[in-house]
C-alpha atoms as a PDB file:
ATOM      1  CA  MET A   1      92.471 117.766  96.086  1.00  0.00           C
ATOM      2  CA  LYS A   2      93.015 120.371  98.813  1.00  0.00           C
ATOM      3  CA  LYS A   3      94.378 119.716 102.273  1.00  0.00           C
ATOM      4  CA  GLU A   4      91.073 120.853 103.796  1.00  0.00           C
ATOM      5  CA  ASP A   5      89.326 117.974 101.979  1.00  0.00           C
ATOM      6  CA  LEU A   6      91.438 115.337 103.725  1.00  0.00           C
ATOM      7  CA  PRO A   7      89.989 113.632 106.818  1.00  0.00           C
ATOM      8  CA  LYS A   8      91.412 114.644 110.213  1.00  0.00           C
ATOM      9  CA  ILE A   9      90.424 111.281 111.689  1.00  0.00           C
ATOM     10  CA  LEU A  10      91.602 108.460 109.496  1.00  0.00           C
ATOM     11  CA  PRO A  11      90.996 104.699 109.599  1.00  0.00           C
ATOM     12  CA  VAL A  12      94.430 103.080 109.364  1.00  0.00           C
ATOM     13  CA  PHE A  13      95.487  99.813 107.785  1.00  0.00           C
ATOM     14  CA  PRO A  14      98.806  98.654 109.310  1.00  0.00           C
ATOM     15  CA  LEU A  15     100.699  96.552 106.775  1.00  0.00           C
ATOM     16  CA  SER A  16     104.287  95.475 107.153  1.00  0.00           C
ATOM     17  CA  ASN A  17     106.775  96.060 104.309  1.00  0.00           C
ATOM     18  CA  PHE A  18     104.113  97.954 102.417  1.00  0.00           C
ATOM     19  CA  ILE A  19     104.108 101.642 101.553  1.00  0.00           C
ATOM     20  CA  ILE A  20     102.252 103.750  99.039  1.00  0.00           C
ATOM     21  CA  PHE A  21     103.094 107.189  97.721  1.00  0.00           C
ATOM     22  CA  PRO A  22     100.951 110.016  96.397  1.00  0.00           C
ATOM     23  CA  ARG A  23      99.959 109.456  92.764  1.00  0.00           C
ATOM     24  CA  THR A  24     100.657 105.724  92.807  1.00  0.00           C
ATOM     25  CA  THR A  25      98.001 103.005  92.686  1.00  0.00           C
ATOM     26  CA  VAL A  26      98.070  99.663  94.465  1.00  0.00           C
ATOM     27  CA  PRO A  27      95.706  96.677  94.531  1.00  0.00           C
ATOM     28  CA  LEU A  28      94.735  95.266  97.940  1.00  0.00           C
ATOM     29  CA  ASN A  29      93.062  91.994  98.859  1.00  0.00           C
ATOM     30  CA  ILE A  30      90.962  92.520 102.005  1.00  0.00           C
ATOM     31  CA  PHE A  31      89.774  89.491 103.972  1.00  0.00           C
ATOM     32  CA  GLU A  32      90.139  90.154 107.730  1.00  0.00           C
ATOM     33  CA  PRO A  33      86.780  91.043 109.370  1.00  0.00           C
ATOM     34  CA  ARG A  34      88.138  94.266 110.910  1.00  0.00           C
ATOM     35  CA  TYR A  35      89.360  95.543 107.544  1.00  0.00           C
ATOM     36  CA  ILE A  36      86.175  94.429 105.794  1.00  0.00           C
ATOM     37  CA  GLN A  37      84.377  96.618 108.368  1.00  0.00           C
ATOM     38  CA  MET A  38      86.823  99.457 107.679  1.00  0.00           C
ATOM     39  CA  ILE A  39      86.262  99.318 103.917  1.00  0.00           C
ATOM     40  CA  ASP A  40      82.458  99.094 104.399  1.00  0.00           C
ATOM     41  CA  LYS A  41      82.493 102.293 106.458  1.00  0.00           C
ATOM     42  CA  SER A  42      84.960 104.026 104.182  1.00  0.00           C
ATOM     43  CA  MET A  43      82.881 103.269 101.071  1.00  0.00           C
ATOM     44  CA  LYS A  44      79.905 104.945 102.752  1.00  0.00           C
ATOM     45  CA  SER A  45      81.863 108.144 103.437  1.00  0.00           C
ATOM     46  CA  ASP A  46      84.939 109.588 101.730  1.00  0.00           C
ATOM     47  CA  ARG A  47      86.511 106.293 100.536  1.00  0.00           C
ATOM     48  CA  MET A  48      89.792 107.195 102.231  1.00  0.00           C
ATOM     49  CA  ILE A  49      92.031 104.979 104.339  1.00  0.00           C
ATOM     50  CA  GLY A  50      95.548 105.448 105.679  1.00  0.00           C
ATOM     51  CA  MET A  51      98.271 102.914 104.924  1.00  0.00           C
ATOM     52  CA  ILE A  52     100.819 102.740 107.734  1.00  0.00           C
ATOM     53  CA  GLN A  53     103.625 100.369 108.678  1.00  0.00           C
ATOM     54  CA  PRO A  54     103.522  98.695 112.101  1.00  0.00           C
ATOM     55  CA  LYS A  55     106.638  98.704 114.259  1.00  0.00           C
ATOM     56  CA  LYS A  56     108.058  95.541 115.766  1.00  0.00           C
ATOM     57  CA  THR A  57     106.983  96.741 119.232  1.00  0.00           C
ATOM     58  CA  GLY A  58     103.642  96.750 121.025  1.00  0.00           C
ATOM     59  CA  GLU A  59     101.130  93.929 121.247  1.00  0.00           C
ATOM     60  CA  LEU A  60     100.808  91.301 118.536  1.00  0.00           C
ATOM     61  CA  LYS A  61      97.200  92.266 117.789  1.00  0.00           C
ATOM     62  CA  LYS A  62      97.908  95.965 118.260  1.00  0.00           C
ATOM     63  CA  PRO A  63     101.485  96.826 117.300  1.00  0.00           C
ATOM     64  CA  ASP A  64     102.896 100.327 117.684  1.00  0.00           C
ATOM     65  CA  LEU A  65     102.648 102.297 114.462  1.00  0.00           C
ATOM     66  CA  HIS A  66     105.194 104.352 112.584  1.00  0.00           C
ATOM     67  CA  ASP A  67     104.450 108.079 112.659  1.00  0.00           C
ATOM     68  CA  VAL A  68     104.205 108.609 108.912  1.00  0.00           C
ATOM     69  CA  GLY A  69     101.923 106.902 106.407  1.00  0.00           C
ATOM     70  CA  CYS A  70     100.022 107.804 103.258  1.00  0.00           C
ATOM     71  CA  VAL A  71      96.302 108.313 102.787  1.00  0.00           C
ATOM     72  CA  GLY A  72      94.755 106.651  99.751  1.00  0.00           C
ATOM     73  CA  LYS A  73      91.368 106.829  98.081  1.00  0.00           C
ATOM     74  CA  ILE A  74      89.538 103.669  97.035  1.00  0.00           C
ATOM     75  CA  THR A  75      89.094 104.062  93.272  1.00  0.00           C
ATOM     76  CA  SER A  76      87.891 100.542  92.522  1.00  0.00           C
ATOM     77  CA  PHE A  77      85.936  98.062  94.617  1.00  0.00           C
ATOM     78  CA  ASN A  78      84.949  94.459  93.914  1.00  0.00           C
ATOM     79  CA  GLU A  79      83.573  91.744  96.146  1.00  0.00           C
ATOM     80  CA  THR A  80      84.519  88.112  95.502  1.00  0.00           C
ATOM     81  CA  ASP A  81      82.202  85.111  95.884  1.00  0.00           C
ATOM     82  CA  ASP A  82      83.967  84.143  99.104  1.00  0.00           C
ATOM     83  CA  GLY A  83      83.418  87.571 100.683  1.00  0.00           C
ATOM     84  CA  ARG A  84      86.824  89.162 100.127  1.00  0.00           C
ATOM     85  CA  TYR A  85      87.159  92.719  98.869  1.00  0.00           C
ATOM     86  CA  LEU A  86      89.492  93.550  96.022  1.00  0.00           C
ATOM     87  CA  ILE A  87      90.189  97.258  96.015  1.00  0.00           C
ATOM     88  CA  ILE A  88      92.486  99.639  94.229  1.00  0.00           C
ATOM     89  CA  LEU A  89      93.922 102.425  96.314  1.00  0.00           C
ATOM     90  CA  ASN A  90      95.167 105.673  94.851  1.00  0.00           C
ATOM     91  CA  GLY A  91      97.796 107.450  97.002  1.00  0.00           C
ATOM     92  CA  ILE A  92      96.961 111.088  97.777  1.00  0.00           C
ATOM     93  CA  CYS A  93      99.083 112.618 100.539  1.00  0.00           C
ATOM     94  CA  ARG A  94     101.370 111.489 103.343  1.00  0.00           C
ATOM     95  CA  PHE A  95     100.310 112.149 106.926  1.00  0.00           C
ATOM     96  CA  LYS A  96     101.729 112.185 110.419  1.00  0.00           C
ATOM     97  CA  ILE A  97      99.884 110.482 113.264  1.00  0.00           C
ATOM     98  CA  MET A  98      99.112 112.796 116.177  1.00  0.00           C
ATOM     99  CA  LYS A  99      97.323 110.260 118.368  1.00  0.00           C
ATOM    100  CA  GLU A 100      95.245 107.116 118.180  1.00  0.00           C
ATOM    101  CA  VAL A 101      91.499 107.506 118.674  1.00  0.00           C
ATOM    102  CA  ASN A 102      89.415 104.850 120.388  1.00  0.00           C
ATOM    103  CA  ASN A 103      86.444 104.453 118.080  1.00  0.00           C
ATOM    104  CA  GLY A 104      84.725 101.289 119.262  1.00  0.00           C
ATOM    105  CA  ASN A 105      85.244  99.749 115.807  1.00  0.00           C
ATOM    106  CA  LEU A 106      87.197  96.577 115.049  1.00  0.00           C
ATOM    107  CA  TYR A 107      89.825  98.600 113.166  1.00  0.00           C
ATOM    108  CA  ARG A 108      92.081 101.397 114.373  1.00  0.00           C
ATOM    109  CA  GLU A 109      91.662 105.114 113.750  1.00  0.00           C
ATOM    110  CA  CYS A 110      94.103 107.965 114.240  1.00  0.00           C
ATOM    111  CA  GLU A 111      94.000 111.710 114.380  1.00  0.00           C
ATOM    112  CA  VAL A 112      96.421 112.825 111.664  1.00  0.00           C
ATOM    113  CA  LYS A 113      97.870 115.974 110.171  1.00  0.00           C
ATOM    114  CA  TYR A 114      99.174 116.630 106.674  1.00  0.00           C
ATOM    115  CA  ASP A 115     101.079 119.902 107.235  1.00  0.00           C
ATOM    116  CA  ASP A 116     104.568 118.402 106.760  1.00  0.00           C
ATOM    117  CA  PHE A 117     103.589 116.918 103.410  1.00  0.00           C
ATOM    118  CA  SER A 118     101.301 119.495 101.794  1.00  0.00           C
ATOM    119  CA  ASN A 119     103.647 119.481  98.772  1.00  0.00           C
ATOM    120  CA  ASP A 120     102.328 115.999  97.983  1.00  0.00           C
ATOM    121  CA  LEU A 121      99.145 117.670  96.740  1.00  0.00           C
ATOM    122  CA  ILE A 122     100.954 119.829  94.190  1.00  0.00           C
ATOM    123  CA  GLU A 123     101.685 118.491  90.710  1.00  0.00           C
ATOM    124  CA  LYS A 124     105.419 118.866  90.238  1.00  0.00           C
ATOM    125  CA  SER A 125     107.619 118.735  87.200  1.00  0.00           C
ATOM    126  CA  ASP A 126     110.627 116.459  87.452  1.00  0.00           C
ATOM    127  CA  GLU A 127     113.838 118.014  88.675  1.00  0.00           C
ATOM    128  CA  ILE A 128     115.705 114.738  88.195  1.00  0.00           C
ATOM    129  CA  LYS A 129     116.617 113.460  84.749  1.00  0.00           C
ATOM    130  CA  PHE A 130     116.062 109.861  83.705  1.00  0.00           C
ATOM    131  CA  SER A 131     119.778 109.523  83.012  1.00  0.00           C
ATOM    132  CA  ASP A 132     120.342 110.067  86.757  1.00  0.00           C
ATOM    133  CA  LEU A 133     118.432 106.850  87.378  1.00  0.00           C
ATOM    134  CA  LYS A 134     120.577 104.650  85.127  1.00  0.00           C
ATOM    135  CA  LEU A 135     122.692 103.346  88.003  1.00  0.00           C
ATOM    136  CA  ILE A 136     119.677 102.885  90.281  1.00  0.00           C
ATOM    137  CA  PHE A 137     118.001 100.879  87.517  1.00  0.00           C
ATOM    138  CA  LEU A 138     121.069  98.704  86.989  1.00  0.00           C
ATOM    139  CA  ASN A 139     121.550  98.044  90.697  1.00  0.00           C
ATOM    140  CA  LEU A 140     117.871  97.394  91.302  1.00  0.00           C
ATOM    141  CA  LYS A 141     117.623  95.039  88.332  1.00  0.00           C
ATOM    142  CA  SER A 142     120.415  92.862  89.707  1.00  0.00           C
ATOM    143  CA  LEU A 143     118.934  92.989  93.228  1.00  0.00           C
ATOM    144  CA  PHE A 144     115.432  92.092  92.016  1.00  0.00           C
ATOM    145  CA  LYS A 145     116.876  89.237  89.972  1.00  0.00           C
ATOM    146  CA  LYS A 146     118.800  87.837  92.958  1.00  0.00           C
ATOM    147  CA  GLN A 147     115.683  87.991  95.123  1.00  0.00           C
ATOM    148  CA  GLY A 148     113.578  86.349  92.421  1.00  0.00           C
ATOM    149  CA  TYR A 149     111.401  89.413  91.871  1.00  0.00           C
ATOM    150  CA  GLU A 150     109.841  89.992  88.466  1.00  0.00           C
ATOM    151  CA  ILE A 151     109.304  93.582  87.367  1.00  0.00           C
ATOM    152  CA  ASN A 152     107.987  94.928  84.098  1.00  0.00           C
ATOM    153  CA  TRP A 153     110.735  97.487  83.488  1.00  0.00           C
ATOM    154  CA  LYS A 154     109.279  98.621  80.164  1.00  0.00           C
ATOM    155  CA  GLU A 155     106.077  99.670  81.951  1.00  0.00           C
ATOM    156  CA  ILE A 156     107.990 101.440  84.690  1.00  0.00           C
ATOM    157  CA  GLU A 157     110.062 103.402  82.175  1.00  0.00           C
ATOM    158  CA  LYS A 158     106.832 104.786  80.686  1.00  0.00           C
ATOM    159  CA  GLN A 159     105.912 106.460  83.971  1.00  0.00           C
ATOM    160  CA  SER A 160     106.807 109.969  85.036  1.00  0.00           C
ATOM    161  CA  LEU A 161     109.997 110.233  87.018  1.00  0.00           C
ATOM    162  CA  ASP A 162     108.473 110.674  90.457  1.00  0.00           C
ATOM    163  CA  GLN A 163     106.133 107.743  89.770  1.00  0.00           C
ATOM    164  CA  THR A 164     109.131 105.658  88.704  1.00  0.00           C
ATOM    165  CA  ILE A 165     111.120 106.371  91.861  1.00  0.00           C
ATOM    166  CA  ASN A 166     108.052 105.852  94.039  1.00  0.00           C
ATOM    167  CA  THR A 167     107.047 102.623  92.291  1.00  0.00           C
ATOM    168  CA  LEU A 168     110.566 101.249  92.699  1.00  0.00           C
ATOM    169  CA  SER A 169     110.607 102.296  96.371  1.00  0.00           C
ATOM    170  CA  MET A 170     107.308 100.493  96.912  1.00  0.00           C
ATOM    171  CA  ALA A 171     108.145  97.339  94.970  1.00  0.00           C
ATOM    172  CA  SER A 172     111.711  96.933  96.177  1.00  0.00           C
ATOM    173  CA  PRO A 173     112.662  93.932  98.348  1.00  0.00           C
ATOM    174  CA  PHE A 174     113.801  96.232 101.180  1.00  0.00           C
ATOM    175  CA  SER A 175     113.102  95.935 104.883  1.00  0.00           C
ATOM    176  CA  LEU A 176     110.197  97.632 106.648  1.00  0.00           C
ATOM    177  CA  GLU A 177     112.567 100.222 108.148  1.00  0.00           C
ATOM    178  CA  GLU A 178     114.214 100.992 104.800  1.00  0.00           C
ATOM    179  CA  LYS A 179     110.837 101.457 103.143  1.00  0.00           C
ATOM    180  CA  GLN A 180     109.827 103.768 105.980  1.00  0.00           C
ATOM    181  CA  VAL A 181     112.938 105.906 105.337  1.00  0.00           C
ATOM    182  CA  LEU A 182     111.932 106.193 101.677  1.00  0.00           C
ATOM    183  CA  LEU A 183     108.349 107.071 102.583  1.00  0.00           C
ATOM    184  CA  GLU A 184     109.459 109.795 105.004  1.00  0.00           C
ATOM    185  CA  SER A 185     111.954 111.385 102.573  1.00  0.00           C
ATOM    186  CA  LYS A 186     110.592 114.891 102.135  1.00  0.00           C
ATOM    187  CA  ASP A 187     111.061 115.196  98.384  1.00  0.00           C
ATOM    188  CA  LEU A 188     112.046 113.264  95.298  1.00  0.00           C
ATOM    189  CA  ASN A 189     115.720 114.224  95.328  1.00  0.00           C
ATOM    190  CA  LEU A 190     116.097 113.039  98.887  1.00  0.00           C
ATOM    191  CA  ARG A 191     114.215 109.816  98.083  1.00  0.00           C
ATOM    192  CA  LYS A 192     116.506 109.161  95.135  1.00  0.00           C
ATOM    193  CA  GLU A 193     119.565 109.654  97.393  1.00  0.00           C
ATOM    194  CA  LYS A 194     118.132 107.316 100.059  1.00  0.00           C
ATOM    195  CA  LEU A 195     117.292 104.741  97.400  1.00  0.00           C
ATOM    196  CA  GLU A 196     120.905 104.851  96.222  1.00  0.00           C
ATOM    197  CA  GLU A 197     122.228 104.564  99.778  1.00  0.00           C
ATOM    198  CA  ILE A 198     120.061 101.546 100.570  1.00  0.00           C
ATOM    199  CA  LEU A 199     120.978  99.893  97.283  1.00  0.00           C
ATOM    200  CA  ASN A 200     124.662 100.444  97.949  1.00  0.00           C
ATOM    201  CA  THR A 201     124.450  98.593 101.259  1.00  0.00           C
ATOM    202  CA  TYR A 202     122.833  95.613  99.486  1.00  0.00           C
ATOM    203  CA  ILE A 203     125.420  95.630  96.733  1.00  0.00           C
ATOM    204  CA  LEU A 204     128.231  95.941  99.280  1.00  0.00           C
ATOM    205  CA  ASP A 205     126.787  93.024 101.265  1.00  0.00           C
ATOM    206  CA  ASN A 206     126.642  90.878  98.151  1.00  0.00           C
ATOM    207  CA  PHE A 207     130.177  91.863  97.261  1.00  0.00           C
ATOM    208  CA  ASN A 208     131.450  91.084 100.776  1.00  0.00           C
ATOM    209  CA  ASN A 209     129.640  87.770 100.842  1.00  0.00           C
ATOM    210  CA  LYS A 210     131.259  86.796  97.567  1.00  0.00           C
ATOM    211  CA  THR A 211     134.736  87.771  98.678  1.00  0.00           C
ATOM    212  CA  LEU A 212     134.432  85.997 102.027  1.00  0.00           C
ATOM    213  CA  GLN A 213     133.488  82.634 100.593  1.00  0.00           C
END
């Protein structure tokens, strides 16, 4: 897909502690009337919606939004008997919000630009080796275990390297702000470094907690 094909005005779905990356797929369960409306409209046009994290400021019903999110294309759509939508979203490219647009719809729309992230649209070969991820894997496995998360590591290890790092960034039990840092990391190397930094703070905390008791 080319940058010109991406919508300049994007319906946005604010979801806390939830990020997607280009070339990753995520399932979503849609049940709120405003997002049902958003998906209805999106399915009639380009099937694209922007996933963005809300900040902890602003109004409850209309929180402030982080600047950077990721646009995804709906690649699968099912409606349940009770009127919910089950969709699968395929990440395409990250975007930066320029301004919010008042559209008269129930959901929110923003004018966005993709210039800072045009590299997301280019297939890249991995510059990082899997061996570089050994420590990240070990640390994440212990963190996931502590938090009671279940992850199919065998499946993850079958993915390409950028998919692996992005999947782990998305699935990790990190805070909203930490996930935002990972989302905004320009490239894979930087994301890997940030992932290590965040993990180290968790491991340090666990270590300190143990030694203090």
